Amino acid sequence: MAYKIELHCHTSPVSGCSNLRGAELVRLYSEAGYSALHITDHFTSGFFRDQDFTDYFYGYHAAVREGEKRGLKVYLGAEFRFDGSNNDYLLFGVTKDFLFGAKDMFGSSHKEFHEYCNKNGVLLYQAHPFRDGMTRTDPAYLDGIEGYNMHPHHHSRNELSLQFAEENGLPIISGSDAHEKHMVGRGGIVSETLPEDSMGLRDLVLSGKFELYHEGECV
């Protein structure tokens, strides 16, 4: 059996740019034929200036509750951003303890944060590295690249992301980057196995044993 898994999506109000509450996000993806979601709300220093640490998990917990009703797996992830940078990084295999430590690393170097990820078994993938305002991170401090970012309102230049990944020997993933109803189900991966939890998803991503899904096709 093939399982479709979303690797990049956002919930409101944790991600201020999203208009989809956690439960609605799960409902839409369930109706779109997905088996699992990786919730990657924006993880920035700006969020924690006004919010408690526990507030970050509001959308994730709402999605988990709805997922249990609908038989859809929900995995905890994050989209991390350093202070003073427009770059975004998708994190796979995170725990709440890991994120509690990560909230003190917005001013760290790429090398320091990548070492923190490695120490905790977390994968660090640069999201949409060729969008306007983005810079490419030294591949030595990355575990992979979001080769297909299917956000319809940004020019992510996926062809350049794929080229960069190939030239630097970096694995690639695909994600919808869903913030609105019409953005749901445009990307992700298709796997013959369905991970039980966030660590299992990390292991699947690390294995590369999946097909990339984008715009209704697998590659």
C-alpha atoms as a PDB file:
ATOM      1  CA  MET A   1       0.000   0.000   0.000  1.00  0.00           C
ATOM      2  CA  ALA A   2       1.191   3.516  -0.799  1.00  0.00           C
ATOM      3  CA  TYR A   3       0.947   6.265   1.816  1.00  0.00           C
ATOM      4  CA  LYS A   4       0.999   9.951   0.922  1.00  0.00           C
ATOM      5  CA  ILE A   5       2.721  12.119   3.525  1.00  0.00           C
ATOM      6  CA  GLU A   6       2.850  15.923   3.700  1.00  0.00           C
ATOM      7  CA  LEU A   7       6.232  17.216   4.899  1.00  0.00           C
ATOM      8  CA  HIS A   8       5.633  20.988   5.034  1.00  0.00           C
ATOM      9  CA  CYS A   9       2.447  22.643   6.314  1.00  0.00           C
ATOM     10  CA  HIS A  10       1.422  25.353   8.764  1.00  0.00           C
ATOM     11  CA  THR A  11      -1.329  25.920  11.316  1.00  0.00           C
ATOM     12  CA  SER A  12      -3.013  29.081  12.553  1.00  0.00           C
ATOM     13  CA  PRO A  13      -2.457  30.920  14.840  1.00  0.00           C
ATOM     14  CA  VAL A  14       1.029  29.530  15.558  1.00  0.00           C
ATOM     15  CA  SER A  15       2.191  30.380  12.043  1.00  0.00           C
ATOM     16  CA  GLY A  16       0.801  33.880  11.639  1.00  0.00           C
ATOM     17  CA  CYS A  17       0.816  33.535   7.851  1.00  0.00           C
ATOM     18  CA  SER A  18      -1.518  30.504   7.933  1.00  0.00           C
ATOM     19  CA  ASN A  19      -5.306  30.634   7.808  1.00  0.00           C
ATOM     20  CA  LEU A  20      -5.766  26.935   8.569  1.00  0.00           C
ATOM     21  CA  ARG A  21      -6.451  25.731  12.094  1.00  0.00           C
ATOM     22  CA  GLY A  22      -4.953  22.383  13.024  1.00  0.00           C
ATOM     23  CA  ALA A  23      -8.218  20.449  12.858  1.00  0.00           C
ATOM     24  CA  GLU A  24      -9.169  21.961   9.506  1.00  0.00           C
ATOM     25  CA  LEU A  25      -5.738  21.165   8.089  1.00  0.00           C
ATOM     26  CA  VAL A  26      -6.164  17.515   9.030  1.00  0.00           C
ATOM     27  CA  ARG A  27      -9.673  17.393   7.578  1.00  0.00           C
ATOM     28  CA  LEU A  28      -8.510  18.852   4.263  1.00  0.00           C
ATOM     29  CA  TYR A  29      -5.564  16.495   3.970  1.00  0.00           C
ATOM     30  CA  SER A  30      -7.683  13.501   4.907  1.00  0.00           C
ATOM     31  CA  GLU A  31     -10.125  14.429   2.159  1.00  0.00           C
ATOM     32  CA  ALA A  32      -7.184  14.835  -0.239  1.00  0.00           C
ATOM     33  CA  GLY A  33      -6.116  11.236   0.372  1.00  0.00           C
ATOM     34  CA  TYR A  34      -3.116  11.801   2.616  1.00  0.00           C
ATOM     35  CA  SER A  35      -2.184   9.410   5.411  1.00  0.00           C
ATOM     36  CA  ALA A  36       0.035  11.701   7.485  1.00  0.00           C
ATOM     37  CA  LEU A  37       1.125  15.300   8.097  1.00  0.00           C
ATOM     38  CA  HIS A  38       4.382  16.781   9.357  1.00  0.00           C
ATOM     39  CA  ILE A  39       3.430  20.034  11.117  1.00  0.00           C
ATOM     40  CA  THR A  40       6.175  22.605  10.477  1.00  0.00           C
ATOM     41  CA  ASP A  41       5.012  25.813  12.109  1.00  0.00           C
ATOM     42  CA  HIS A  42       7.423  28.742  12.001  1.00  0.00           C
ATOM     43  CA  PHE A  43       9.926  28.558  14.864  1.00  0.00           C
ATOM     44  CA  THR A  44      11.368  32.059  15.307  1.00  0.00           C
ATOM     45  CA  SER A  45      12.580  34.297  18.104  1.00  0.00           C
ATOM     46  CA  GLY A  46       9.748  36.706  17.278  1.00  0.00           C
ATOM     47  CA  PHE A  47       7.145  34.122  18.249  1.00  0.00           C
ATOM     48  CA  PHE A  48       8.628  33.672  21.707  1.00  0.00           C
ATOM     49  CA  ARG A  49       8.782  37.381  22.442  1.00  0.00           C
ATOM     50  CA  ASP A  50       5.006  37.353  22.909  1.00  0.00           C
ATOM     51  CA  GLN A  51       4.169  33.680  23.502  1.00  0.00           C
ATOM     52  CA  ASP A  52       5.020  30.982  26.006  1.00  0.00           C
ATOM     53  CA  PHE A  53       6.919  27.910  24.856  1.00  0.00           C
ATOM     54  CA  THR A  54       3.829  25.723  25.279  1.00  0.00           C
ATOM     55  CA  ASP A  55       1.861  27.986  22.921  1.00  0.00           C
ATOM     56  CA  TYR A  56       4.009  26.768  20.021  1.00  0.00           C
ATOM     57  CA  PHE A  57       2.287  23.369  20.146  1.00  0.00           C
ATOM     58  CA  TYR A  58      -1.296  24.655  19.947  1.00  0.00           C
ATOM     59  CA  GLY A  59      -1.813  23.816  16.272  1.00  0.00           C
ATOM     60  CA  TYR A  60       0.060  20.542  16.517  1.00  0.00           C
ATOM     61  CA  HIS A  61      -2.071  19.286  19.407  1.00  0.00           C
ATOM     62  CA  ALA A  62      -5.280  20.326  17.641  1.00  0.00           C
ATOM     63  CA  ALA A  63      -4.121  18.438  14.553  1.00  0.00           C
ATOM     64  CA  VAL A  64      -3.266  15.350  16.613  1.00  0.00           C
ATOM     65  CA  ARG A  65      -6.745  15.277  18.167  1.00  0.00           C
ATOM     66  CA  GLU A  66      -8.442  15.527  14.776  1.00  0.00           C
ATOM     67  CA  GLY A  67      -6.019  13.028  13.291  1.00  0.00           C
ATOM     68  CA  GLU A  68      -6.976  10.465  15.915  1.00  0.00           C
ATOM     69  CA  LYS A  69     -10.612  10.831  14.877  1.00  0.00           C
ATOM     70  CA  ARG A  70      -9.829  10.445  11.180  1.00  0.00           C
ATOM     71  CA  GLY A  71      -7.039   7.872  11.311  1.00  0.00           C
ATOM     72  CA  LEU A  72      -4.426  10.305  10.024  1.00  0.00           C
ATOM     73  CA  LYS A  73      -0.936  10.426  11.548  1.00  0.00           C
ATOM     74  CA  VAL A  74       0.383  13.806  12.710  1.00  0.00           C
ATOM     75  CA  TYR A  75       4.106  14.335  13.266  1.00  0.00           C
ATOM     76  CA  LEU A  76       5.791  17.145  15.183  1.00  0.00           C
ATOM     77  CA  GLY A  77       8.216  19.232  13.142  1.00  0.00           C
ATOM     78  CA  ALA A  78       9.302  22.849  12.862  1.00  0.00           C
ATOM     79  CA  GLU A  79      10.488  25.441  10.351  1.00  0.00           C
ATOM     80  CA  PHE A  80      13.446  27.144  12.031  1.00  0.00           C
ATOM     81  CA  ARG A  81      14.797  30.603  11.184  1.00  0.00           C
ATOM     82  CA  PHE A  82      17.968  32.236  12.507  1.00  0.00           C
ATOM     83  CA  ASP A  83      17.884  35.830  13.684  1.00  0.00           C
ATOM     84  CA  GLY A  84      18.982  38.239  10.956  1.00  0.00           C
ATOM     85  CA  SER A  85      18.235  35.788   8.132  1.00  0.00           C
ATOM     86  CA  ASN A  86      15.363  35.042   5.748  1.00  0.00           C
ATOM     87  CA  ASN A  87      16.393  31.400   5.338  1.00  0.00           C
ATOM     88  CA  ASP A  88      14.100  28.651   6.614  1.00  0.00           C
ATOM     89  CA  TYR A  89      14.985  25.115   7.687  1.00  0.00           C
ATOM     90  CA  LEU A  90      12.687  22.118   8.058  1.00  0.00           C
ATOM     91  CA  LEU A  91      13.466  19.906  11.051  1.00  0.00           C
ATOM     92  CA  PHE A  92      12.709  16.169  11.169  1.00  0.00           C
ATOM     93  CA  GLY A  93      12.733  14.070  14.327  1.00  0.00           C
ATOM     94  CA  VAL A  94      12.217  16.864  16.833  1.00  0.00           C
ATOM     95  CA  THR A  95      10.943  16.497  20.376  1.00  0.00           C
ATOM     96  CA  LYS A  96       9.632  19.157  22.716  1.00  0.00           C
ATOM     97  CA  ASP A  97      12.876  18.927  24.687  1.00  0.00           C
ATOM     98  CA  PHE A  98      14.889  19.522  21.510  1.00  0.00           C
ATOM     99  CA  LEU A  99      12.796  22.564  20.623  1.00  0.00           C
ATOM    100  CA  PHE A 100      13.108  23.923  24.159  1.00  0.00           C
ATOM    101  CA  GLY A 101      16.858  23.992  23.605  1.00  0.00           C
ATOM    102  CA  ALA A 102      16.545  25.268  20.035  1.00  0.00           C
ATOM    103  CA  LYS A 103      14.719  28.404  21.149  1.00  0.00           C
ATOM    104  CA  ASP A 104      18.029  29.591  22.632  1.00  0.00           C
ATOM    105  CA  MET A 105      19.898  29.091  19.343  1.00  0.00           C
ATOM    106  CA  PHE A 106      18.377  31.702  17.038  1.00  0.00           C
ATOM    107  CA  GLY A 107      21.646  33.639  17.247  1.00  0.00           C
ATOM    108  CA  SER A 108      23.913  30.633  16.744  1.00  0.00           C
ATOM    109  CA  SER A 109      25.964  29.836  13.650  1.00  0.00           C
ATOM    110  CA  HIS A 110      24.834  27.282  11.063  1.00  0.00           C
ATOM    111  CA  LYS A 111      27.654  25.026  12.218  1.00  0.00           C
ATOM    112  CA  GLU A 112      26.609  25.229  15.871  1.00  0.00           C
ATOM    113  CA  PHE A 113      22.950  24.562  15.124  1.00  0.00           C
ATOM    114  CA  HIS A 114      23.732  21.675  12.785  1.00  0.00           C
ATOM    115  CA  GLU A 115      25.898  20.138  15.502  1.00  0.00           C
ATOM    116  CA  TYR A 116      22.997  20.522  17.949  1.00  0.00           C
ATOM    117  CA  CYS A 117      20.701  18.779  15.462  1.00  0.00           C
ATOM    118  CA  ASN A 118      23.182  15.948  14.887  1.00  0.00           C
ATOM    119  CA  LYS A 119      23.672  15.455  18.618  1.00  0.00           C
ATOM    120  CA  ASN A 120      19.909  15.008  19.022  1.00  0.00           C
ATOM    121  CA  GLY A 121      19.252  12.916  15.925  1.00  0.00           C
ATOM    122  CA  VAL A 122      17.401  15.695  14.083  1.00  0.00           C
ATOM    123  CA  LEU A 123      17.634  16.225  10.312  1.00  0.00           C
ATOM    124  CA  LEU A 124      18.122  19.770   8.998  1.00  0.00           C
ATOM    125  CA  TYR A 125      16.782  20.482   5.484  1.00  0.00           C
ATOM    126  CA  GLN A 126      16.917  23.937   3.924  1.00  0.00           C
ATOM    127  CA  ALA A 127      13.478  24.946   2.650  1.00  0.00           C
ATOM    128  CA  HIS A 128      13.033  26.722  -0.713  1.00  0.00           C
ATOM    129  CA  PRO A 129      16.678  27.910  -0.902  1.00  0.00           C
ATOM    130  CA  PHE A 130      16.276  29.865  -4.153  1.00  0.00           C
ATOM    131  CA  ARG A 131      13.349  32.090  -3.222  1.00  0.00           C
ATOM    132  CA  ASP A 132      13.913  35.827  -3.341  1.00  0.00           C
ATOM    133  CA  GLY A 133      15.818  36.947  -0.256  1.00  0.00           C
ATOM    134  CA  MET A 134      17.244  33.492   0.477  1.00  0.00           C
ATOM    135  CA  THR A 135      20.880  32.435   0.505  1.00  0.00           C
ATOM    136  CA  ARG A 136      22.262  28.945   0.108  1.00  0.00           C
ATOM    137  CA  THR A 137      23.662  27.400   3.261  1.00  0.00           C
ATOM    138  CA  ASP A 138      27.019  25.637   3.195  1.00  0.00           C
ATOM    139  CA  PRO A 139      26.089  22.038   2.286  1.00  0.00           C
ATOM    140  CA  ALA A 140      28.404  20.825   5.058  1.00  0.00           C
ATOM    141  CA  TYR A 141      25.797  22.082   7.534  1.00  0.00           C
ATOM    142  CA  LEU A 142      22.743  20.580   5.835  1.00  0.00           C
ATOM    143  CA  ASP A 143      21.229  17.112   5.707  1.00  0.00           C
ATOM    144  CA  GLY A 144      19.161  17.860   2.613  1.00  0.00           C
ATOM    145  CA  ILE A 145      17.167  20.309   0.499  1.00  0.00           C
ATOM    146  CA  GLU A 146      13.487  20.911  -0.149  1.00  0.00           C
ATOM    147  CA  GLY A 147      13.803  20.367  -3.888  1.00  0.00           C
ATOM    148  CA  TYR A 148      10.106  20.866  -4.585  1.00  0.00           C
ATOM    149  CA  ASN A 149       8.357  23.637  -2.662  1.00  0.00           C
ATOM    150  CA  MET A 150       4.856  23.878  -4.066  1.00  0.00           C
ATOM    151  CA  HIS A 151       3.726  27.199  -2.546  1.00  0.00           C
ATOM    152  CA  PRO A 152       1.802  28.769  -5.471  1.00  0.00           C
ATOM    153  CA  HIS A 153       2.432  32.373  -4.463  1.00  0.00           C
ATOM    154  CA  HIS A 154       6.224  32.292  -4.204  1.00  0.00           C
ATOM    155  CA  HIS A 155       8.750  31.791  -6.981  1.00  0.00           C
ATOM    156  CA  SER A 156      10.783  29.063  -5.307  1.00  0.00           C
ATOM    157  CA  ARG A 157      12.809  28.221  -8.448  1.00  0.00           C
ATOM    158  CA  ASN A 158      12.613  24.516  -7.762  1.00  0.00           C
ATOM    159  CA  GLU A 159      14.752  23.695 -10.784  1.00  0.00           C
ATOM    160  CA  LEU A 160      17.666  25.557  -9.174  1.00  0.00           C
ATOM    161  CA  SER A 161      17.077  23.801  -5.852  1.00  0.00           C
ATOM    162  CA  LEU A 162      17.221  20.434  -7.594  1.00  0.00           C
ATOM    163  CA  GLN A 163      20.417  21.421  -9.384  1.00  0.00           C
ATOM    164  CA  PHE A 164      22.016  22.653  -6.151  1.00  0.00           C
ATOM    165  CA  ALA A 165      21.121  19.397  -4.404  1.00  0.00           C
ATOM    166  CA  GLU A 166      22.566  17.291  -7.228  1.00  0.00           C
ATOM    167  CA  GLU A 167      25.788  19.301  -7.407  1.00  0.00           C
ATOM    168  CA  ASN A 168      26.321  18.950  -3.670  1.00  0.00           C
ATOM    169  CA  GLY A 169      25.110  15.398  -3.142  1.00  0.00           C
ATOM    170  CA  LEU A 170      22.187  16.439  -0.949  1.00  0.00           C
ATOM    171  CA  PRO A 171      18.966  14.402  -0.608  1.00  0.00           C
ATOM    172  CA  ILE A 172      15.746  16.141  -1.645  1.00  0.00           C
ATOM    173  CA  ILE A 173      12.182  16.233  -0.378  1.00  0.00           C
ATOM    174  CA  SER A 174       8.920  17.769  -1.562  1.00  0.00           C
ATOM    175  CA  GLY A 175       6.388  19.803   0.401  1.00  0.00           C
ATOM    176  CA  SER A 176       3.195  21.773  -0.208  1.00  0.00           C
ATOM    177  CA  ASP A 177       4.090  24.585   2.225  1.00  0.00           C
ATOM    178  CA  ALA A 178       0.343  24.817   2.821  1.00  0.00           C
ATOM    179  CA  HIS A 179      -1.050  27.941   4.505  1.00  0.00           C
ATOM    180  CA  GLU A 180      -4.457  28.158   2.784  1.00  0.00           C
ATOM    181  CA  LYS A 181      -7.130  25.715   1.644  1.00  0.00           C
ATOM    182  CA  HIS A 182      -6.160  25.955  -2.033  1.00  0.00           C
ATOM    183  CA  MET A 183      -2.532  25.137  -1.152  1.00  0.00           C
ATOM    184  CA  VAL A 184      -3.304  21.775   0.434  1.00  0.00           C
ATOM    185  CA  GLY A 185      -2.070  18.584  -1.221  1.00  0.00           C
ATOM    186  CA  ARG A 186       0.325  19.992  -3.793  1.00  0.00           C
ATOM    187  CA  GLY A 187       3.441  18.202  -2.537  1.00  0.00           C
ATOM    188  CA  GLY A 188       4.846  15.581  -0.218  1.00  0.00           C
ATOM    189  CA  ILE A 189       6.217  12.074  -0.487  1.00  0.00           C
ATOM    190  CA  VAL A 190       4.720   8.651  -1.191  1.00  0.00           C
ATOM    191  CA  SER A 191       6.015   5.677   0.784  1.00  0.00           C
ATOM    192  CA  GLU A 192       5.204   1.997   1.121  1.00  0.00           C
ATOM    193  CA  THR A 193       5.511   2.367   4.895  1.00  0.00           C
ATOM    194  CA  LEU A 194       3.715   4.718   7.278  1.00  0.00           C
ATOM    195  CA  PRO A 195       5.871   5.906  10.198  1.00  0.00           C
ATOM    196  CA  GLU A 196       4.386   5.589  13.672  1.00  0.00           C
ATOM    197  CA  ASP A 197       5.841   8.839  14.998  1.00  0.00           C
ATOM    198  CA  SER A 198       8.171  11.760  14.312  1.00  0.00           C
ATOM    199  CA  MET A 199      11.273   9.617  14.817  1.00  0.00           C
ATOM    200  CA  GLY A 200       9.952   7.120  12.324  1.00  0.00           C
ATOM    201  CA  LEU A 201       9.377   9.912   9.811  1.00  0.00           C
ATOM    202  CA  ARG A 202      12.956  11.083  10.343  1.00  0.00           C
ATOM    203  CA  ASP A 203      14.173   7.544   9.658  1.00  0.00           C
ATOM    204  CA  LEU A 204      12.069   7.348   6.498  1.00  0.00           C
ATOM    205  CA  VAL A 205      13.396  10.675   5.219  1.00  0.00           C
ATOM    206  CA  LEU A 206      16.943   9.551   6.018  1.00  0.00           C
ATOM    207  CA  SER A 207      16.448   6.258   4.173  1.00  0.00           C
ATOM    208  CA  GLY A 208      15.303   7.918   0.957  1.00  0.00           C
ATOM    209  CA  LYS A 209      12.855   5.061   0.401  1.00  0.00           C
ATOM    210  CA  PHE A 210      10.020   7.142  -1.005  1.00  0.00           C
ATOM    211  CA  GLU A 211       8.851   8.891  -4.141  1.00  0.00           C
ATOM    212  CA  LEU A 212       8.588  12.658  -4.417  1.00  0.00           C
ATOM    213  CA  TYR A 213       5.049  13.904  -4.994  1.00  0.00           C
ATOM    214  CA  HIS A 214       4.263  17.233  -6.620  1.00  0.00           C
ATOM    215  CA  GLU A 215       1.425  18.560  -8.744  1.00  0.00           C
ATOM    216  CA  GLY A 216      -0.312  15.201  -8.896  1.00  0.00           C
ATOM    217  CA  GLU A 217       2.729  13.215 -10.013  1.00  0.00           C
ATOM    218  CA  CYS A 218       5.384  11.064  -8.389  1.00  0.00           C
ATOM    219  CA  VAL A 219       9.025  11.287  -9.437  1.00  0.00           C
END
